[in-house]
PDB file of N, CA and C in Angstrom:
ATOM      1  N   MET A   1     114.149  85.915 119.253  1.00  0.00           N
ATOM      2  CA  MET A   1     114.506  86.326 117.924  1.00  0.00           C
ATOM      3  C   MET A   1     113.551  87.434 117.476  1.00  0.00           C
ATOM      4  N   ILE A   2     114.065  88.432 116.816  1.00  0.00           N
ATOM      5  CA  ILE A   2     113.259  89.550 116.351  1.00  0.00           C
ATOM      6  C   ILE A   2     112.473  89.127 115.119  1.00  0.00           C
ATOM      7  N   MET A   3     111.154  89.418 115.152  1.00  0.00           N
ATOM      8  CA  MET A   3     110.322  89.095 114.002  1.00  0.00           C
ATOM      9  C   MET A   3     110.514  90.157 112.933  1.00  0.00           C
ATOM     10  N   GLU A   4     110.618  89.747 111.686  1.00  0.00           N
ATOM     11  CA  GLU A   4     110.954  90.653 110.608  1.00  0.00           C
ATOM     12  C   GLU A   4     109.745  91.246 109.896  1.00  0.00           C
ATOM     13  N   ASN A   5     108.602  90.592 109.904  1.00  0.00           N
ATOM     14  CA  ASN A   5     107.456  91.054 109.127  1.00  0.00           C
ATOM     15  C   ASN A   5     106.453  91.846 109.950  1.00  0.00           C
ATOM     16  N   ILE A   6     106.912  92.555 110.938  1.00  0.00           N
ATOM     17  CA  ILE A   6     106.042  93.387 111.764  1.00  0.00           C
ATOM     18  C   ILE A   6     106.213  94.829 111.327  1.00  0.00           C
ATOM     19  N   ASN A   7     105.119  95.559 111.301  1.00  0.00           N
ATOM     20  CA  ASN A   7     105.191  96.977 110.980  1.00  0.00           C
ATOM     21  C   ASN A   7     106.149  97.637 111.960  1.00  0.00           C
ATOM     22  N   PRO A   8     107.214  98.291 111.485  1.00  0.00           N
ATOM     23  CA  PRO A   8     108.220  98.854 112.386  1.00  0.00           C
ATOM     24  C   PRO A   8     107.786 100.145 113.071  1.00  0.00           C
ATOM     25  N   TYR A   9     106.634 100.686 112.728  1.00  0.00           N
ATOM     26  CA  TYR A   9     106.206 101.953 113.295  1.00  0.00           C
ATOM     27  C   TYR A   9     105.128 101.751 114.343  1.00  0.00           C
ATOM     28  N   PRO A  10     105.276 102.400 115.493  1.00  0.00           N
ATOM     29  CA  PRO A  10     104.265 102.269 116.531  1.00  0.00           C
ATOM     30  C   PRO A  10     102.911 102.799 116.076  1.00  0.00           C
ATOM     31  N   THR A  11     101.865 102.341 116.740  1.00  0.00           N
ATOM     32  CA  THR A  11     100.519 102.813 116.448  1.00  0.00           C
ATOM     33  C   THR A  11     100.378 104.264 116.874  1.00  0.00           C
ATOM     34  N   THR A  12      99.329 104.894 116.434  1.00  0.00           N
ATOM     35  CA  THR A  12      99.093 106.293 116.781  1.00  0.00           C
ATOM     36  C   THR A  12      99.038 106.485 118.291  1.00  0.00           C
ATOM     37  N   GLU A  13      98.316 105.620 118.999  1.00  0.00           N
ATOM     38  CA  GLU A  13      98.230 105.741 120.457  1.00  0.00           C
ATOM     39  C   GLU A  13      99.601 105.593 121.109  1.00  0.00           C
ATOM     40  N   THR A  14     100.382 104.666 120.618  1.00  0.00           N
ATOM     41  CA  THR A  14     101.723 104.464 121.155  1.00  0.00           C
ATOM     42  C   THR A  14     102.611 105.655 120.818  1.00  0.00           C
ATOM     43  N   SER A  15     102.452 106.207 119.629  1.00  0.00           N
ATOM     44  CA  SER A  15     103.242 107.381 119.238  1.00  0.00           C
ATOM     45  C   SER A  15     102.941 108.570 120.140  1.00  0.00           C
ATOM     46  N   HIS A  16     101.681 108.721 120.521  1.00  0.00           N
ATOM     47  CA  HIS A  16     101.315 109.809 121.430  1.00  0.00           C
ATOM     48  C   HIS A  16     101.920 109.588 122.818  1.00  0.00           C
ATOM     49  N   ALA A  17     101.919 108.347 123.284  1.00  0.00           N
ATOM     50  CA  ALA A  17     102.533 108.036 124.581  1.00  0.00           C
ATOM     51  C   ALA A  17     104.032 108.330 124.528  1.00  0.00           C
ATOM     52  N   LEU A  18     104.674 107.943 123.440  1.00  0.00           N
ATOM     53  CA  LEU A  18     106.102 108.209 123.266  1.00  0.00           C
ATOM     54  C   LEU A  18     106.373 109.707 123.320  1.00  0.00           C
ATOM     55  N   ALA A  19     105.608 110.485 122.562  1.00  0.00           N
ATOM     56  CA  ALA A  19     105.804 111.938 122.532  1.00  0.00           C
ATOM     57  C   ALA A  19     105.603 112.556 123.911  1.00  0.00           C
ATOM     58  N   ASP A  20     104.547 112.148 124.597  1.00  0.00           N
ATOM     59  CA  ASP A  20     104.275 112.681 125.941  1.00  0.00           C
ATOM     60  C   ASP A  20     105.413 112.349 126.903  1.00  0.00           C
ATOM     61  N   ASN A  21     105.894 111.111 126.840  1.00  0.00           N
ATOM     62  CA  ASN A  21     106.965 110.696 127.746  1.00  0.00           C
ATOM     63  C   ASN A  21     108.277 111.406 127.437  1.00  0.00           C
ATOM     64  N   LEU A  22     108.589 111.567 126.153  1.00  0.00           N
ATOM     65  CA  LEU A  22     109.805 112.302 125.798  1.00  0.00           C
ATOM     66  C   LEU A  22     109.739 113.736 126.315  1.00  0.00           C
ATOM     67  N   ARG A  23     108.597 114.384 126.131  1.00  0.00           N
ATOM     68  CA  ARG A  23     108.438 115.763 126.623  1.00  0.00           C
ATOM     69  C   ARG A  23     108.593 115.839 128.142  1.00  0.00           C
ATOM     70  N   ARG A  24     107.911 114.938 128.833  1.00  0.00           N
ATOM     71  CA  ARG A  24     107.918 114.954 130.298  1.00  0.00           C
ATOM     72  C   ARG A  24     109.319 114.690 130.849  1.00  0.00           C
ATOM     73  N   LEU A  25     110.006 113.687 130.317  1.00  0.00           N
ATOM     74  CA  LEU A  25     111.337 113.344 130.822  1.00  0.00           C
ATOM     75  C   LEU A  25     112.362 114.429 130.475  1.00  0.00           C
ATOM     76  N   CYS A  26     112.259 114.984 129.295  1.00  0.00           N
ATOM     77  CA  CYS A  26     113.178 116.076 128.921  1.00  0.00           C
ATOM     78  C   CYS A  26     112.944 117.298 129.798  1.00  0.00           C
ATOM     79  N   ALA A  27     111.690 117.613 130.069  1.00  0.00           N
ATOM     80  CA  ALA A  27     111.379 118.756 130.937  1.00  0.00           C
ATOM     81  C   ALA A  27     111.968 118.534 132.332  1.00  0.00           C
ATOM     82  N   ARG A  28     111.866 117.311 132.839  1.00  0.00           N
ATOM     83  CA  ARG A  28     112.421 117.001 134.163  1.00  0.00           C
ATOM     84  C   ARG A  28     113.926 117.206 134.188  1.00  0.00           C
ATOM     85  N   LEU A  29     114.586 116.906 133.072  1.00  0.00           N
ATOM     86  CA  LEU A  29     116.037 117.036 132.991  1.00  0.00           C
ATOM     87  C   LEU A  29     116.482 118.429 132.547  1.00  0.00           C
ATOM     88  N   GLY A  30     115.520 119.276 132.159  1.00  0.00           N
ATOM     89  CA  GLY A  30     115.859 120.607 131.679  1.00  0.00           C
ATOM     90  C   GLY A  30     116.422 120.592 130.263  1.00  0.00           C
ATOM     91  N   TRP A  31     116.091 119.554 129.500  1.00  0.00           N
ATOM     92  CA  TRP A  31     116.577 119.410 128.142  1.00  0.00           C
ATOM     93  C   TRP A  31     115.573 119.972 127.152  1.00  0.00           C
ATOM     94  N   ASP A  32     116.078 120.533 126.067  1.00  0.00           N
ATOM     95  CA  ASP A  32     115.211 120.881 124.958  1.00  0.00           C
ATOM     96  C   ASP A  32     115.388 119.817 123.877  1.00  0.00           C
ATOM     97  N   GLN A  33     114.707 120.009 122.766  1.00  0.00           N
ATOM     98  CA  GLN A  33     114.729 119.050 121.663  1.00  0.00           C
ATOM     99  C   GLN A  33     116.151 118.837 121.133  1.00  0.00           C
ATOM    100  N   ARG A  34     116.918 119.904 121.021  1.00  0.00           N
ATOM    101  CA  ARG A  34     118.283 119.794 120.500  1.00  0.00           C
ATOM    102  C   ARG A  34     119.198 119.025 121.454  1.00  0.00           C
ATOM    103  N   THR A  35     118.997 119.226 122.750  1.00  0.00           N
ATOM    104  CA  THR A  35     119.814 118.513 123.735  1.00  0.00           C
ATOM    105  C   THR A  35     119.550 117.011 123.650  1.00  0.00           C
ATOM    106  N   LEU A  36     118.268 116.629 123.609  1.00  0.00           N
ATOM    107  CA  LEU A  36     117.943 115.212 123.477  1.00  0.00           C
ATOM    108  C   LEU A  36     118.540 114.654 122.190  1.00  0.00           C
ATOM    109  N   ALA A  37     118.408 115.391 121.102  1.00  0.00           N
ATOM    110  CA  ALA A  37     118.948 114.935 119.819  1.00  0.00           C
ATOM    111  C   ALA A  37     120.458 114.693 119.921  1.00  0.00           C
ATOM    112  N   ALA A  38     121.165 115.629 120.519  1.00  0.00           N
ATOM    113  CA  ALA A  38     122.618 115.504 120.646  1.00  0.00           C
ATOM    114  C   ALA A  38     122.990 114.305 121.517  1.00  0.00           C
ATOM    115  N   LYS A  39     122.308 114.144 122.633  1.00  0.00           N
ATOM    116  CA  LYS A  39     122.631 113.037 123.545  1.00  0.00           C
ATOM    117  C   LYS A  39     122.247 111.681 122.961  1.00  0.00           C
ATOM    118  N   ALA A  40     121.195 111.663 122.130  1.00  0.00           N
ATOM    119  CA  ALA A  40     120.745 110.408 121.516  1.00  0.00           C
ATOM    120  C   ALA A  40     121.483 110.107 120.214  1.00  0.00           C
ATOM    121  N   GLY A  41     122.156 111.108 119.665  1.00  0.00           N
ATOM    122  CA  GLY A  41     122.880 110.897 118.418  1.00  0.00           C
ATOM    123  C   GLY A  41     121.975 110.831 117.199  1.00  0.00           C
ATOM    124  N   ILE A  42     120.856 111.551 117.251  1.00  0.00           N
ATOM    125  CA  ILE A  42     119.952 111.630 116.097  1.00  0.00           C
ATOM    126  C   ILE A  42     119.639 113.091 115.823  1.00  0.00           C
ATOM    127  N   SER A  43     119.097 113.376 114.670  1.00  0.00           N
ATOM    128  CA  SER A  43     118.891 114.769 114.275  1.00  0.00           C
ATOM    129  C   SER A  43     117.749 115.434 115.053  1.00  0.00           C
ATOM    130  N   PRO A  44     117.848 116.750 115.259  1.00  0.00           N
ATOM    131  CA  PRO A  44     116.762 117.480 115.918  1.00  0.00           C
ATOM    132  C   PRO A  44     115.434 117.361 115.157  1.00  0.00           C
ATOM    133  N   SER A  45     115.493 117.268 113.833  1.00  0.00           N
ATOM    134  CA  SER A  45     114.239 117.127 113.079  1.00  0.00           C
ATOM    135  C   SER A  45     113.587 115.774 113.345  1.00  0.00           C
ATOM    136  N   THR A  46     114.398 114.736 113.554  1.00  0.00           N
ATOM    137  CA  THR A  46     113.849 113.421 113.904  1.00  0.00           C
ATOM    138  C   THR A  46     113.170 113.491 115.264  1.00  0.00           C
ATOM    139  N   ILE A  47     113.810 114.150 116.224  1.00  0.00           N
ATOM    140  CA  ILE A  47     113.186 114.322 117.544  1.00  0.00           C
ATOM    141  C   ILE A  47     111.883 115.114 117.391  1.00  0.00           C
ATOM    142  N   GLY A  48     111.918 116.164 116.585  1.00  0.00           N
ATOM    143  CA  GLY A  48     110.709 116.951 116.348  1.00  0.00           C
ATOM    144  C   GLY A  48     109.581 116.109 115.785  1.00  0.00           C
ATOM    145  N   ASN A  49     109.902 115.222 114.882  1.00  0.00           N
ATOM    146  CA  ASN A  49     108.882 114.327 114.319  1.00  0.00           C
ATOM    147  C   ASN A  49     108.358 113.353 115.365  1.00  0.00           C
ATOM    148  N   MET A  50     109.232 112.863 116.229  1.00  0.00           N
ATOM    149  CA  MET A  50     108.800 111.946 117.287  1.00  0.00           C
ATOM    150  C   MET A  50     107.895 112.666 118.284  1.00  0.00           C
ATOM    151  N   LEU A  51     108.125 113.948 118.482  1.00  0.00           N
ATOM    152  CA  LEU A  51     107.317 114.731 119.420  1.00  0.00           C
ATOM    153  C   LEU A  51     105.992 115.170 118.813  1.00  0.00           C
ATOM    154  N   ASN A  52     105.821 114.966 117.517  1.00  0.00           N
ATOM    155  CA  ASN A  52     104.591 115.344 116.819  1.00  0.00           C
ATOM    156  C   ASN A  52     104.043 114.138 116.065  1.00  0.00           C
ATOM    157  N   PRO A  53     103.361 113.230 116.775  1.00  0.00           N
ATOM    158  CA  PRO A  53     102.869 111.991 116.154  1.00  0.00           C
ATOM    159  C   PRO A  53     102.063 112.262 114.887  1.00  0.00           C
ATOM    160  N   GLY A  54     102.321 111.443 113.909  1.00  0.00           N
ATOM    161  CA  GLY A  54     101.612 111.551 112.647  1.00  0.00           C
ATOM    162  C   GLY A  54     102.317 112.437 111.636  1.00  0.00           C
ATOM    163  N   ARG A  55     103.283 113.219 112.080  1.00  0.00           N
ATOM    164  CA  ARG A  55     103.982 114.108 111.157  1.00  0.00           C
ATOM    165  C   ARG A  55     104.896 113.311 110.236  1.00  0.00           C
ATOM    166  N   ASP A  56     105.659 112.389 110.793  1.00  0.00           N
ATOM    167  CA  ASP A  56     106.560 111.555 109.994  1.00  0.00           C
ATOM    168  C   ASP A  56     106.796 110.266 110.767  1.00  0.00           C
ATOM    169  N   THR A  57     106.005 109.247 110.459  1.00  0.00           N
ATOM    170  CA  THR A  57     106.101 107.997 111.213  1.00  0.00           C
ATOM    171  C   THR A  57     107.438 107.289 111.029  1.00  0.00           C
ATOM    172  N   ALA A  58     108.149 107.589 109.967  1.00  0.00           N
ATOM    173  CA  ALA A  58     109.448 106.935 109.752  1.00  0.00           C
ATOM    174  C   ALA A  58     110.444 107.303 110.851  1.00  0.00           C
ATOM    175  N   SER A  59     110.262 108.465 111.482  1.00  0.00           N
ATOM    176  CA  SER A  59     111.169 108.885 112.554  1.00  0.00           C
ATOM    177  C   SER A  59     110.994 108.040 113.810  1.00  0.00           C
ATOM    178  N   THR A  60     109.838 107.414 113.947  1.00  0.00           N
ATOM    179  CA  THR A  60     109.532 106.665 115.160  1.00  0.00           C
ATOM    180  C   THR A  60     109.954 105.209 115.013  1.00  0.00           C
ATOM    181  N   ARG A  61     111.116 104.988 114.437  1.00  0.00           N
ATOM    182  CA  ARG A  61     111.658 103.644 114.298  1.00  0.00           C
ATOM    183  C   ARG A  61     112.184 103.166 115.646  1.00  0.00           C
ATOM    184  N   LEU A  62     112.258 101.852 115.796  1.00  0.00           N
ATOM    185  CA  LEU A  62     112.747 101.278 117.050  1.00  0.00           C
ATOM    186  C   LEU A  62     114.146 101.754 117.400  1.00  0.00           C
ATOM    187  N   ASP A  63     115.014 101.864 116.416  1.00  0.00           N
ATOM    188  CA  ASP A  63     116.382 102.277 116.742  1.00  0.00           C
ATOM    189  C   ASP A  63     116.399 103.704 117.299  1.00  0.00           C
ATOM    190  N   ASN A  64     115.542 104.584 116.810  1.00  0.00           N
ATOM    191  CA  ASN A  64     115.480 105.944 117.358  1.00  0.00           C
ATOM    192  C   ASN A  64     114.898 105.956 118.765  1.00  0.00           C
ATOM    193  N   ILE A  65     113.890 105.123 118.999  1.00  0.00           N
ATOM    194  CA  ILE A  65     113.317 105.014 120.349  1.00  0.00           C
ATOM    195  C   ILE A  65     114.387 104.508 121.313  1.00  0.00           C
ATOM    196  N   GLU A  66     115.150 103.509 120.887  1.00  0.00           N
ATOM    197  CA  GLU A  66     116.208 102.951 121.735  1.00  0.00           C
ATOM    198  C   GLU A  66     117.299 103.977 122.026  1.00  0.00           C
ATOM    199  N   LYS A  67     117.669 104.786 121.035  1.00  0.00           N
ATOM    200  CA  LYS A  67     118.684 105.823 121.251  1.00  0.00           C
ATOM    201  C   LYS A  67     118.197 106.872 122.247  1.00  0.00           C
ATOM    202  N   CYS A  68     116.935 107.260 122.129  1.00  0.00           N
ATOM    203  CA  CYS A  68     116.370 108.232 123.090  1.00  0.00           C
ATOM    204  C   CYS A  68     116.335 107.637 124.491  1.00  0.00           C
ATOM    205  N   ALA A  69     115.909 106.391 124.586  1.00  0.00           N
ATOM    206  CA  ALA A  69     115.846 105.735 125.892  1.00  0.00           C
ATOM    207  C   ALA A  69     117.216 105.658 126.538  1.00  0.00           C
ATOM    208  N   LYS A  70     118.210 105.303 125.760  1.00  0.00           N
ATOM    209  CA  LYS A  70     119.571 105.221 126.290  1.00  0.00           C
ATOM    210  C   LYS A  70     120.030 106.584 126.799  1.00  0.00           C
ATOM    211  N   ALA A  71     119.744 107.638 126.036  1.00  0.00           N
ATOM    212  CA  ALA A  71     120.115 108.986 126.462  1.00  0.00           C
ATOM    213  C   ALA A  71     119.396 109.372 127.753  1.00  0.00           C
ATOM    214  N   LEU A  72     118.152 108.914 127.900  1.00  0.00           N
ATOM    215  CA  LEU A  72     117.349 109.236 129.089  1.00  0.00           C
ATOM    216  C   LEU A  72     117.590 108.244 130.234  1.00  0.00           C
ATOM    217  N   LYS A  73     118.415 107.234 129.971  1.00  0.00           N
ATOM    218  CA  LYS A  73     118.770 106.208 130.964  1.00  0.00           C
ATOM    219  C   LYS A  73     117.562 105.411 131.473  1.00  0.00           C
ATOM    220  N   ILE A  74     116.712 105.026 130.517  1.00  0.00           N
ATOM    221  CA  ILE A  74     115.599 104.131 130.820  1.00  0.00           C
ATOM    222  C   ILE A  74     115.520 103.082 129.727  1.00  0.00           C
ATOM    223  N   GLN A  75     114.654 102.098 129.908  1.00  0.00           N
ATOM    224  CA  GLN A  75     114.435 101.073 128.900  1.00  0.00           C
ATOM    225  C   GLN A  75     113.511 101.624 127.813  1.00  0.00           C
ATOM    226  N   ALA A  76     113.734 101.221 126.580  1.00  0.00           N
ATOM    227  CA  ALA A  76     112.939 101.736 125.464  1.00  0.00           C
ATOM    228  C   ALA A  76     111.452 101.458 125.637  1.00  0.00           C
ATOM    229  N   TRP A  77     111.089 100.278 126.133  1.00  0.00           N
ATOM    230  CA  TRP A  77     109.673  99.946 126.280  1.00  0.00           C
ATOM    231  C   TRP A  77     108.983 100.890 127.254  1.00  0.00           C
ATOM    232  N   GLN A  78     109.725 101.440 128.222  1.00  0.00           N
ATOM    233  CA  GLN A  78     109.110 102.356 129.178  1.00  0.00           C
ATOM    234  C   GLN A  78     108.632 103.634 128.495  1.00  0.00           C
ATOM    235  N   LEU A  79     109.315 104.048 127.437  1.00  0.00           N
ATOM    236  CA  LEU A  79     108.892 105.244 126.710  1.00  0.00           C
ATOM    237  C   LEU A  79     107.543 105.066 126.029  1.00  0.00           C
ATOM    238  N   LEU A  80     107.114 103.827 125.840  1.00  0.00           N
ATOM    239  CA  LEU A  80     105.858 103.560 125.151  1.00  0.00           C
ATOM    240  C   LEU A  80     104.676 103.424 126.105  1.00  0.00           C
ATOM    241  N   LEU A  81     104.936 103.442 127.399  1.00  0.00           N
ATOM    242  CA  LEU A  81     103.851 103.338 128.378  1.00  0.00           C
ATOM    243  C   LEU A  81     103.101 104.653 128.492  1.00  0.00           C
ATOM    244  N   PRO A  82     101.782 104.616 128.428  1.00  0.00           N
ATOM    245  CA  PRO A  82     101.046 105.858 128.672  1.00  0.00           C
ATOM    246  C   PRO A  82     101.199 106.254 130.135  1.00  0.00           C
ATOM    247  N   SER A  83     101.288 107.526 130.373  1.00  0.00           N
ATOM    248  CA  SER A  83     101.368 108.064 131.737  1.00  0.00           C
ATOM    249  C   SER A  83     102.600 107.603 132.497  1.00  0.00           C
ATOM    250  N   LEU A  84     103.730 107.480 131.819  1.00  0.00           N
ATOM    251  CA  LEU A  84     104.983 107.158 132.505  1.00  0.00           C
ATOM    252  C   LEU A  84     105.265 108.283 133.488  1.00  0.00           C
ATOM    253  N   PRO A  85     105.487 107.964 134.749  1.00  0.00           N
ATOM    254  CA  PRO A  85     105.770 109.028 135.718  1.00  0.00           C
ATOM    255  C   PRO A  85     107.042 109.787 135.340  1.00  0.00           C
ATOM    256  N   ALA A  86     107.067 111.070 135.601  1.00  0.00           N
ATOM    257  CA  ALA A  86     108.257 111.874 135.311  1.00  0.00           C
ATOM    258  C   ALA A  86     109.451 111.329 136.075  1.00  0.00           C
ATOM    259  N   GLU A  87     109.219 110.830 137.252  1.00  0.00           N
ATOM    260  CA  GLU A  87     110.286 110.196 138.017  1.00  0.00           C
ATOM    261  C   GLU A  87     110.309 108.725 137.637  1.00  0.00           C
ATOM    262  N   LYS A  88     111.236 108.357 136.774  1.00  0.00           N
ATOM    263  CA  LYS A  88     111.279 106.984 136.280  1.00  0.00           C
ATOM    264  C   LYS A  88     111.434 105.970 137.407  1.00  0.00           C
ATOM    265  N   ASP A  89     111.952 106.401 138.555  1.00  0.00           N
ATOM    266  CA  ASP A  89     112.133 105.477 139.669  1.00  0.00           C
ATOM    267  C   ASP A  89     110.806 105.038 140.270  1.00  0.00           C
ATOM    268  N   ALA A  90     109.699 105.690 139.868  1.00  0.00           N
ATOM    269  CA  ALA A  90     108.388 105.287 140.363  1.00  0.00           C
ATOM    270  C   ALA A  90     107.971 103.936 139.787  1.00  0.00           C
ATOM    271  N   LEU A  91     108.673 103.471 138.772  1.00  0.00           N
ATOM    272  CA  LEU A  91     108.363 102.175 138.179  1.00  0.00           C
ATOM    273  C   LEU A  91     109.234 101.073 138.787  1.00  0.00           C
ATOM    274  N   ASN A  92     109.384 101.083 140.073  1.00  0.00           N
ATOM    275  CA  ASN A  92     110.297 100.156 140.726  1.00  0.00           C
ATOM    276  C   ASN A  92     109.782  98.731 140.826  1.00  0.00           C
ATOM    277  N   THR A  93     108.499  98.548 140.935  1.00  0.00           N
ATOM    278  CA  THR A  93     108.024  97.191 141.173  1.00  0.00           C
ATOM    279  C   THR A  93     107.473  96.569 139.904  1.00  0.00           C
ATOM    280  N   ALA A  94     107.642  95.291 139.803  1.00  0.00           N
ATOM    281  CA  ALA A  94     107.113  94.563 138.653  1.00  0.00           C
ATOM    282  C   ALA A  94     105.596  94.676 138.606  1.00  0.00           C
ATOM    283  N   LEU A  95     104.956  94.727 139.756  1.00  0.00           N
ATOM    284  CA  LEU A  95     103.503  94.835 139.800  1.00  0.00           C
ATOM    285  C   LEU A  95     103.025  96.143 139.176  1.00  0.00           C
ATOM    286  N   ASP A  96     103.729  97.258 139.444  1.00  0.00           N
ATOM    287  CA  ASP A  96     103.363  98.540 138.829  1.00  0.00           C
ATOM    288  C   ASP A  96     103.430  98.446 137.312  1.00  0.00           C
ATOM    289  N   VAL A  97     104.514  97.878 136.814  1.00  0.00           N
ATOM    290  CA  VAL A  97     104.699  97.760 135.372  1.00  0.00           C
ATOM    291  C   VAL A  97     103.648  96.828 134.782  1.00  0.00           C
ATOM    292  N   PHE A  98     103.430  95.701 135.432  1.00  0.00           N
ATOM    293  CA  PHE A  98     102.455  94.731 134.930  1.00  0.00           C
ATOM    294  C   PHE A  98     101.051  95.338 134.906  1.00  0.00           C
ATOM    295  N   THR A  99     100.693  96.052 135.952  1.00  0.00           N
ATOM    296  CA  THR A  99      99.370  96.679 136.013  1.00  0.00           C
ATOM    297  C   THR A  99      99.187  97.677 134.873  1.00  0.00           C
ATOM    298  N   MET A 100     100.194  98.497 134.622  1.00  0.00           N
ATOM    299  CA  MET A 100     100.104  99.438 133.497  1.00  0.00           C
ATOM    300  C   MET A 100      99.960  98.690 132.183  1.00  0.00           C
ATOM    301  N   PHE A 101     100.760  97.641 132.026  1.00  0.00           N
ATOM    302  CA  PHE A 101     100.778  96.896 130.770  1.00  0.00           C
ATOM    303  C   PHE A 101      99.434  96.235 130.483  1.00  0.00           C
ATOM    304  N   ILE A 102      98.847  95.555 131.448  1.00  0.00           N
ATOM    305  CA  ILE A 102      97.606  94.820 131.179  1.00  0.00           C
ATOM    306  C   ILE A 102      96.423  95.751 130.933  1.00  0.00           C
ATOM    307  N   ASN A 103      96.547  97.003 131.317  1.00  0.00           N
ATOM    308  CA  ASN A 103      95.472  97.955 131.077  1.00  0.00           C
ATOM    309  C   ASN A 103      95.598  98.680 129.745  1.00  0.00           C
ATOM    310  N   LEU A 104      96.605  98.343 128.979  1.00  0.00           N
ATOM    311  CA  LEU A 104      96.807  98.953 127.658  1.00  0.00           C
ATOM    312  C   LEU A 104      95.987  98.228 126.602  1.00  0.00           C
ATOM    313  N   PRO A 105      95.646  98.929 125.515  1.00  0.00           N
ATOM    314  CA  PRO A 105      95.016  98.243 124.381  1.00  0.00           C
ATOM    315  C   PRO A 105      95.972  97.204 123.793  1.00  0.00           C
ATOM    316  N   ALA A 106      95.427  96.233 123.110  1.00  0.00           N
ATOM    317  CA  ALA A 106      96.224  95.130 122.561  1.00  0.00           C
ATOM    318  C   ALA A 106      97.325  95.621 121.625  1.00  0.00           C
ATOM    319  N   ASP A 107      97.051  96.628 120.795  1.00  0.00           N
ATOM    320  CA  ASP A 107      98.084  97.086 119.859  1.00  0.00           C
ATOM    321  C   ASP A 107      99.247  97.740 120.600  1.00  0.00           C
ATOM    322  N   ALA A 108      98.973  98.449 121.677  1.00  0.00           N
ATOM    323  CA  ALA A 108     100.043  99.047 122.478  1.00  0.00           C
ATOM    324  C   ALA A 108     100.843  97.961 123.188  1.00  0.00           C
ATOM    325  N   GLN A 109     100.161  96.911 123.662  1.00  0.00           N
ATOM    326  CA  GLN A 109     100.867  95.788 124.292  1.00  0.00           C
ATOM    327  C   GLN A 109     101.810  95.129 123.292  1.00  0.00           C
ATOM    328  N   ARG A 110     101.354  94.970 122.052  1.00  0.00           N
ATOM    329  CA  ARG A 110     102.211  94.367 121.018  1.00  0.00           C
ATOM    330  C   ARG A 110     103.433  95.239 120.744  1.00  0.00           C
ATOM    331  N   ASP A 111     103.243  96.559 120.687  1.00  0.00           N
ATOM    332  CA  ASP A 111     104.378  97.462 120.452  1.00  0.00           C
ATOM    333  C   ASP A 111     105.414  97.332 121.555  1.00  0.00           C
ATOM    334  N   ILE A 112     104.956  97.329 122.791  1.00  0.00           N
ATOM    335  CA  ILE A 112     105.869  97.234 123.930  1.00  0.00           C
ATOM    336  C   ILE A 112     106.553  95.871 123.949  1.00  0.00           C
ATOM    337  N   ALA A 113     105.804  94.817 123.686  1.00  0.00           N
ATOM    338  CA  ALA A 113     106.389  93.470 123.670  1.00  0.00           C
ATOM    339  C   ALA A 113     107.463  93.361 122.593  1.00  0.00           C
ATOM    340  N   ARG A 114     107.220  93.979 121.433  1.00  0.00           N
ATOM    341  CA  ARG A 114     108.192  93.934 120.343  1.00  0.00           C
ATOM    342  C   ARG A 114     109.487  94.641 120.742  1.00  0.00           C
ATOM    343  N   VAL A 115     109.366  95.797 121.384  1.00  0.00           N
ATOM    344  CA  VAL A 115     110.556  96.537 121.798  1.00  0.00           C
ATOM    345  C   VAL A 115     111.291  95.773 122.901  1.00  0.00           C
ATOM    346  N   ALA A 116     110.545  95.225 123.861  1.00  0.00           N
ATOM    347  CA  ALA A 116     111.172  94.460 124.946  1.00  0.00           C
ATOM    348  C   ALA A 116     111.891  93.228 124.396  1.00  0.00           C
ATOM    349  N   GLU A 117     111.294  92.579 123.408  1.00  0.00           N
ATOM    350  CA  GLU A 117     111.931  91.408 122.791  1.00  0.00           C
ATOM    351  C   GLU A 117     113.236  91.805 122.106  1.00  0.00           C
ATOM    352  N   ARG A 118     113.211  92.926 121.428  1.00  0.00           N
ATOM    353  CA  ARG A 118     114.427  93.392 120.752  1.00  0.00           C
ATOM    354  C   ARG A 118     115.512  93.726 121.770  1.00  0.00           C
ATOM    355  N   GLU A 119     115.137  94.388 122.863  1.00  0.00           N
ATOM    356  CA  GLU A 119     116.123  94.722 123.896  1.00  0.00           C
ATOM    357  C   GLU A 119     116.708  93.460 124.514  1.00  0.00           C
ATOM    358  N   THR A 120     115.890  92.453 124.740  1.00  0.00           N
ATOM    359  CA  THR A 120     116.370  91.198 125.308  1.00  0.00           C
ATOM    360  C   THR A 120     117.366  90.536 124.360  1.00  0.00           C
ATOM    361  N   THR A 121     117.044  90.531 123.086  1.00  0.00           N
ATOM    362  CA  THR A 121     117.937  89.946 122.089  1.00  0.00           C
ATOM    363  C   THR A 121     119.264  90.691 122.051  1.00  0.00           C
ATOM    364  N   LEU A 122     119.197  92.023 122.030  1.00  0.00           N
ATOM    365  CA  LEU A 122     120.432  92.811 122.003  1.00  0.00           C
ATOM    366  C   LEU A 122     121.264  92.602 123.273  1.00  0.00           C
ATOM    367  N   TYR A 123     120.606  92.492 124.410  1.00  0.00           N
ATOM    368  CA  TYR A 123     121.298  92.255 125.670  1.00  0.00           C
ATOM    369  C   TYR A 123     122.038  90.913 125.617  1.00  0.00           C
ATOM    370  N   LYS A 124     121.347  89.890 125.119  1.00  0.00           N
ATOM    371  CA  LYS A 124     121.967  88.568 125.031  1.00  0.00           C
ATOM    372  C   LYS A 124     123.168  88.574 124.090  1.00  0.00           C
ATOM    373  N   LEU A 125     123.069  89.335 123.001  1.00  0.00           N
ATOM    374  CA  LEU A 125     124.182  89.414 122.051  1.00  0.00           C
ATOM    375  C   LEU A 125     125.393  90.143 122.642  1.00  0.00           C
ATOM    376  N   GLN A 126     125.139  91.124 123.511  1.00  0.00           N
ATOM    377  CA  GLN A 126     126.223  91.922 124.092  1.00  0.00           C
ATOM    378  C   GLN A 126     126.819  91.289 125.348  1.00  0.00           C
ATOM    379  N   LYS A 127     126.090  90.371 125.943  1.00  0.00           N
ATOM    380  CA  LYS A 127     126.520  89.742 127.184  1.00  0.00           C
ATOM    381  C   LYS A 127     127.698  88.802 126.911  1.00  0.00           C
ATOM    382  N   PRO A 128     128.791  88.947 127.684  1.00  0.00           N
ATOM    383  CA  PRO A 128     129.927  88.043 127.485  1.00  0.00           C
ATOM    384  C   PRO A 128     129.546  86.608 127.828  1.00  0.00           C
ATOM    385  N   HIS A 129     130.045  85.691 127.037  1.00  0.00           N
ATOM    386  CA  HIS A 129     129.707  84.267 127.249  1.00  0.00           C
ATOM    387  C   HIS A 129     130.659  83.600 128.158  1.00  0.00           C
TER     388      HIS A 129
END
């Protein structure tokens, strides 16, 4: 179940990881800010804010992170990992992901856990019974 009383905005460190990963993945795909915005279904100014941490934290809402992740064909929590490889397939093993996760600061771990929990809940809701 999604917790309701959690700050919906990622921490500064997590916001920087998100911005770096969005830039790196878009560059790999040859996308600019407008292309990502169009594919994610959000405004170019929102993408611009996500790419510039601290400019407008309201843009870094979970739903916007999830829309970007879907457009990039990765899981939303992966966008919050520092140093996400440009080749998303490099995260193939659970050990790689776990090693990255346990080396993160506690606040970044909480951000990722919150996004992963939300994705799990949404998956369960969409899964046919």
